[in-house]
PDB file of N, CA and C in Angstrom:
ATOM      1  N   MET A   1      -1.685 137.324-106.923  1.00  0.00           N
ATOM      2  CA  MET A   1      -0.639 136.049-107.654  1.00  0.00           C
ATOM      3  C   MET A   1      -1.870 134.883-106.948  1.00  0.00           C
ATOM      4  N   LEU A   2      -2.528 134.730-106.034  1.00  0.00           N
ATOM      5  CA  LEU A   2      -3.677 133.953-104.972  1.00  0.00           C
ATOM      6  C   LEU A   2      -4.903 133.805-106.027  1.00  0.00           C
ATOM      7  N   VAL A   3      -5.077 134.836-106.735  1.00  0.00           N
ATOM      8  CA  VAL A   3      -6.784 134.680-107.761  1.00  0.00           C
ATOM      9  C   VAL A   3      -6.415 133.962-108.585  1.00  0.00           C
ATOM     10  N   ILE A   4      -4.850 134.101-109.359  1.00  0.00           N
ATOM     11  CA  ILE A   4      -4.557 133.725-110.475  1.00  0.00           C
ATOM     12  C   ILE A   4      -4.316 132.235-110.376  1.00  0.00           C
ATOM     13  N   ALA A   5      -3.702 132.256-109.277  1.00  0.00           N
ATOM     14  CA  ALA A   5      -3.942 130.218-108.734  1.00  0.00           C
ATOM     15  C   ALA A   5      -4.881 129.913-108.428  1.00  0.00           C
ATOM     16  N   LEU A   6      -6.143 130.640-108.181  1.00  0.00           N
ATOM     17  CA  LEU A   6      -7.703 130.421-107.390  1.00  0.00           C
ATOM     18  C   LEU A   6      -8.460 129.727-108.976  1.00  0.00           C
ATOM     19  N   VAL A   7      -7.987 130.841-109.802  1.00  0.00           N
ATOM     20  CA  VAL A   7      -8.563 130.716-110.958  1.00  0.00           C
ATOM     21  C   VAL A   7      -7.878 129.594-111.740  1.00  0.00           C
ATOM     22  N   LEU A   8      -6.518 129.733-112.043  1.00  0.00           N
ATOM     23  CA  LEU A   8      -6.181 128.335-112.151  1.00  0.00           C
ATOM     24  C   LEU A   8      -6.251 126.797-112.427  1.00  0.00           C
ATOM     25  N   LEU A   9      -6.988 126.526-110.115  1.00  0.00           N
ATOM     26  CA  LEU A   9      -7.286 125.779-109.774  1.00  0.00           C
ATOM     27  C   LEU A   9      -8.957 125.712-110.145  1.00  0.00           C
ATOM     28  N   LEU A  10      -9.710 126.285-110.575  1.00  0.00           N
ATOM     29  CA  LEU A  10     -10.942 125.975-111.013  1.00  0.00           C
ATOM     30  C   LEU A  10     -10.895 125.829-112.267  1.00  0.00           C
ATOM     31  N   ALA A  11     -10.219 126.368-112.602  1.00  0.00           N
ATOM     32  CA  ALA A  11     -10.568 126.033-114.511  1.00  0.00           C
ATOM     33  C   ALA A  11     -10.196 124.587-114.493  1.00  0.00           C
ATOM     34  N   LEU A  12      -8.928 123.948-113.480  1.00  0.00           N
ATOM     35  CA  LEU A  12      -8.561 122.720-114.153  1.00  0.00           C
ATOM     36  C   LEU A  12      -9.694 121.970-113.069  1.00  0.00           C
ATOM     37  N   ILE A  13     -10.270 121.958-112.187  1.00  0.00           N
ATOM     38  CA  ILE A  13     -11.321 120.984-111.652  1.00  0.00           C
ATOM     39  C   ILE A  13     -12.718 121.511-112.471  1.00  0.00           C
ATOM     40  N   LEU A  14     -12.619 122.211-113.479  1.00  0.00           N
ATOM     41  CA  LEU A  14     -14.162 122.022-113.814  1.00  0.00           C
ATOM     42  C   LEU A  14     -13.839 121.283-115.326  1.00  0.00           C
ATOM     43  N   GLY A  15     -12.212 121.605-115.806  1.00  0.00           N
ATOM     44  CA  GLY A  15     -11.996 120.819-116.843  1.00  0.00           C
ATOM     45  C   GLY A  15     -12.444 118.955-116.409  1.00  0.00           C
ATOM     46  N   GLY A  16     -11.463 119.186-115.650  1.00  0.00           N
ATOM     47  CA  GLY A  16     -11.636 117.593-114.700  1.00  0.00           C
ATOM     48  C   GLY A  16     -12.893 117.037-115.195  1.00  0.00           C
ATOM     49  N   ALA A  17     -13.939 117.719-114.363  1.00  0.00           N
ATOM     50  CA  ALA A  17     -15.343 117.602-114.387  1.00  0.00           C
ATOM     51  C   ALA A  17     -16.321 116.947-115.107  1.00  0.00           C
ATOM     52  N   GLY A  18     -15.614 118.164-116.585  1.00  0.00           N
ATOM     53  CA  GLY A  18     -16.154 118.479-117.718  1.00  0.00           C
ATOM     54  C   GLY A  18     -16.239 116.641-118.619  1.00  0.00           C
ATOM     55  N   PHE A  19     -14.512 116.500-118.366  1.00  0.00           N
ATOM     56  CA  PHE A  19     -13.566 115.141-118.921  1.00  0.00           C
ATOM     57  C   PHE A  19     -14.817 114.519-118.815  1.00  0.00           C
ATOM     58  N   ALA A  20     -14.889 114.318-117.299  1.00  0.00           N
ATOM     59  CA  ALA A  20     -15.445 112.954-116.643  1.00  0.00           C
ATOM     60  C   ALA A  20     -17.015 112.622-116.962  1.00  0.00           C
ATOM     61  N   LEU A  21     -17.652 113.721-116.621  1.00  0.00           N
ATOM     62  CA  LEU A  21     -19.143 113.606-117.350  1.00  0.00           C
ATOM     63  C   LEU A  21     -19.199 113.263-118.982  1.00  0.00           C
ATOM     64  N   HIS A  22     -18.235 113.701-119.595  1.00  0.00           N
ATOM     65  CA  HIS A  22     -18.393 113.295-120.726  1.00  0.00           C
ATOM     66  C   HIS A  22     -18.385 112.159-121.550  1.00  0.00           C
ATOM     67  N   TRP A  23     -17.285 111.035-120.476  1.00  0.00           N
ATOM     68  CA  TRP A  23     -16.992 109.928-120.471  1.00  0.00           C
ATOM     69  C   TRP A  23     -18.149 108.941-119.908  1.00  0.00           C
ATOM     70  N   LEU A  24     -19.051 109.726-118.599  1.00  0.00           N
ATOM     71  CA  LEU A  24     -19.841 108.764-118.388  1.00  0.00           C
ATOM     72  C   LEU A  24     -21.224 109.147-118.957  1.00  0.00           C
ATOM     73  N   TRP A  25     -21.581 110.383-120.014  1.00  0.00           N
ATOM     74  CA  TRP A  25     -22.697 110.048-120.655  1.00  0.00           C
ATOM     75  C   TRP A  25     -22.075 108.822-121.753  1.00  0.00           C
ATOM     76  N   ILE A  26     -21.352 108.925-122.256  1.00  0.00           N
ATOM     77  CA  ILE A  26     -20.621 108.013-123.339  1.00  0.00           C
ATOM     78  C   ILE A  26     -20.926 106.460-122.805  1.00  0.00           C
ATOM     79  N   ILE A  27     -20.068 106.307-121.729  1.00  0.00           N
ATOM     80  CA  ILE A  27     -20.939 104.816-121.019  1.00  0.00           C
ATOM     81  C   ILE A  27     -22.461 104.704-120.969  1.00  0.00           C
ATOM     82  N   ALA A  28     -23.169 105.745-120.355  1.00  0.00           N
ATOM     83  CA  ALA A  28     -24.523 105.514-120.443  1.00  0.00           C
ATOM     84  C   ALA A  28     -25.108 105.195-121.650  1.00  0.00           C
ATOM     85  N   GLY A  29     -24.683 105.954-122.734  1.00  0.00           N
ATOM     86  CA  GLY A  29     -25.457 105.759-123.980  1.00  0.00           C
ATOM     87  C   GLY A  29     -24.967 104.204-124.032  1.00  0.00           C
ATOM     88  N   ILE A  30     -23.576 103.549-124.059  1.00  0.00           N
ATOM     89  CA  ILE A  30     -23.524 101.981-124.374  1.00  0.00           C
ATOM     90  C   ILE A  30     -24.400 101.122-123.609  1.00  0.00           C
ATOM     91  N   VAL A  31     -24.255 101.527-122.099  1.00  0.00           N
ATOM     92  CA  VAL A  31     -25.282 100.909-121.296  1.00  0.00           C
ATOM     93  C   VAL A  31     -26.965 100.602-122.216  1.00  0.00           C
ATOM     94  N   LEU A  32     -27.222 102.006-122.536  1.00  0.00           N
ATOM     95  CA  LEU A  32     -28.680 101.891-122.786  1.00  0.00           C
ATOM     96  C   LEU A  32     -28.827 100.695-124.128  1.00  0.00           C
ATOM     97  N   VAL A  33     -27.560 100.748-125.136  1.00  0.00           N
ATOM     98  CA  VAL A  33     -27.567 100.041-126.191  1.00  0.00           C
ATOM     99  C   VAL A  33     -27.964  98.949-126.025  1.00  0.00           C
ATOM    100  N   VAL A  34     -27.252  98.112-124.871  1.00  0.00           N
ATOM    101  CA  VAL A  34     -27.063  96.902-124.772  1.00  0.00           C
ATOM    102  C   VAL A  34     -28.065  96.390-123.957  1.00  0.00           C
ATOM    103  N   TRP A  35     -28.239  97.356-123.138  1.00  0.00           N
ATOM    104  CA  TRP A  35     -29.996  96.828-122.835  1.00  0.00           C
ATOM    105  C   TRP A  35     -31.100  96.965-123.316  1.00  0.00           C
ATOM    106  N   LEU A  36     -30.961  98.040-124.879  1.00  0.00           N
ATOM    107  CA  LEU A  36     -32.353  97.528-125.702  1.00  0.00           C
ATOM    108  C   LEU A  36     -32.313  96.166-126.711  1.00  0.00           C
ATOM    109  N   LEU A  37     -30.796  96.012-126.599  1.00  0.00           N
ATOM    110  CA  LEU A  37     -30.427  94.731-127.249  1.00  0.00           C
ATOM    111  C   LEU A  37     -30.907  93.329-126.523  1.00  0.00           C
ATOM    112  N   GLY A  38     -30.788  93.243-125.643  1.00  0.00           N
ATOM    113  CA  GLY A  38     -30.783  92.422-124.751  1.00  0.00           C
ATOM    114  C   GLY A  38     -32.368  92.296-124.377  1.00  0.00           C
ATOM    115  N   PHE A  39     -33.216  93.234-124.415  1.00  0.00           N
ATOM    116  CA  PHE A  39     -34.821  93.501-124.336  1.00  0.00           C
ATOM    117  C   PHE A  39     -34.848  93.055-125.646  1.00  0.00           C
ATOM    118  N   LEU A  40     -34.481  93.089-126.672  1.00  0.00           N
ATOM    119  CA  LEU A  40     -35.182  92.748-127.905  1.00  0.00           C
ATOM    120  C   LEU A  40     -34.912  91.608-128.007  1.00  0.00           C
ATOM    121  N   PHE A  41     -33.517  90.567-128.216  1.00  0.00           N
ATOM    122  CA  PHE A  41     -33.202  89.372-127.941  1.00  0.00           C
ATOM    123  C   PHE A  41     -33.714  88.508-127.297  1.00  0.00           C
ATOM    124  N   ARG A  42     -34.311  89.102-126.073  1.00  0.00           N
ATOM    125  CA  ARG A  42     -34.747  88.086-125.270  1.00  0.00           C
ATOM    126  C   ARG A  42     -36.070  87.492-125.477  1.00  0.00           C
ATOM    127  N   GLY A  43     -36.566  88.550-126.596  1.00  0.00           N
ATOM    128  CA  GLY A  43     -37.895  88.355-127.034  1.00  0.00           C
ATOM    129  C   GLY A  43     -37.598  87.304-127.972  1.00  0.00           C
ATOM    130  N   VAL A  44     -36.920  87.415-128.971  1.00  0.00           N
ATOM    131  CA  VAL A  44     -36.652  86.272-129.497  1.00  0.00           C
ATOM    132  C   VAL A  44     -36.200  84.981-129.258  1.00  0.00           C
ATOM    133  N   ALA A  45     -35.272  84.758-128.180  1.00  0.00           N
ATOM    134  CA  ALA A  45     -35.016  83.957-127.738  1.00  0.00           C
ATOM    135  C   ALA A  45     -35.949  83.078-127.074  1.00  0.00           C
ATOM    136  N   GLU A  46     -37.201  83.620-126.545  1.00  0.00           N
ATOM    137  CA  GLU A  46     -38.463  82.903-126.161  1.00  0.00           C
ATOM    138  C   GLU A  46     -39.750  82.579-126.903  1.00  0.00           C
ATOM    139  N   GLY A  47     -39.123  82.592-128.543  1.00  0.00           N
ATOM    140  CA  GLY A  47     -40.174  82.149-129.661  1.00  0.00           C
ATOM    141  C   GLY A  47     -40.438  83.004-129.863  1.00  0.00           C
ATOM    142  N   GLY A  48     -40.544  84.241-129.708  1.00  0.00           N
ATOM    143  CA  GLY A  48     -41.263  85.098-130.185  1.00  0.00           C
ATOM    144  C   GLY A  48     -42.471  85.132-129.409  1.00  0.00           C
ATOM    145  N   ALA A  49     -42.760  84.614-128.797  1.00  0.00           N
ATOM    146  CA  ALA A  49     -44.013  85.143-127.800  1.00  0.00           C
ATOM    147  C   ALA A  49     -44.280  86.422-126.919  1.00  0.00           C
ATOM    148  N   ARG A  50     -45.363  86.908-127.612  1.00  0.00           N
ATOM    149  CA  ARG A  50     -45.280  88.478-126.601  1.00  0.00           C
ATOM    150  C   ARG A  50     -45.102  88.166-124.811  1.00  0.00           C
ATOM    151  N   SER A  51     -44.044  88.807-124.388  1.00  0.00           N
ATOM    152  CA  SER A  51     -43.995  88.815-123.113  1.00  0.00           C
ATOM    153  C   SER A  51     -43.965  90.236-122.607  1.00  0.00           C
ATOM    154  N   ARG A  52     -43.917  89.737-121.027  1.00  0.00           N
ATOM    155  CA  ARG A  52     -43.891  91.176-120.531  1.00  0.00           C
ATOM    156  C   ARG A  52     -42.456  91.632-120.464  1.00  0.00           C
ATOM    157  N   TRP A  53     -42.076  93.115-120.231  1.00  0.00           N
ATOM    158  CA  TRP A  53     -40.685  93.420-120.409  1.00  0.00           C
ATOM    159  C   TRP A  53     -40.285  93.625-119.051  1.00  0.00           C
ATOM    160  N   TYR A  54     -40.784  93.376-117.868  1.00  0.00           N
ATOM    161  CA  TYR A  54     -40.654  92.806-116.112  1.00  0.00           C
ATOM    162  C   TYR A  54     -40.807  91.731-116.080  1.00  0.00           C
ATOM    163  N   ARG A  55     -40.318  91.266-114.516  1.00  0.00           N
ATOM    164  CA  ARG A  55     -39.781  90.281-114.557  1.00  0.00           C
ATOM    165  C   ARG A  55     -40.851  89.727-113.265  1.00  0.00           C
ATOM    166  N   TRP A  56     -41.631  90.866-112.568  1.00  0.00           N
ATOM    167  CA  TRP A  56     -42.141  90.542-111.845  1.00  0.00           C
ATOM    168  C   TRP A  56     -43.810  90.545-112.225  1.00  0.00           C
TER     169      TRP A  56
END
């Protein structure tokens, strides 16, 4: 009975971690798209001049 409970607990932990990691990948993709759009629109806002992508 203890082994079944441990296997069930392990399945719940791994299932929860997989669900959380799935959402973290989705959020990371959204952040990447927003960053790329900001990178592209910043170049347009500066008059189309070639600018550096870093600030230092």
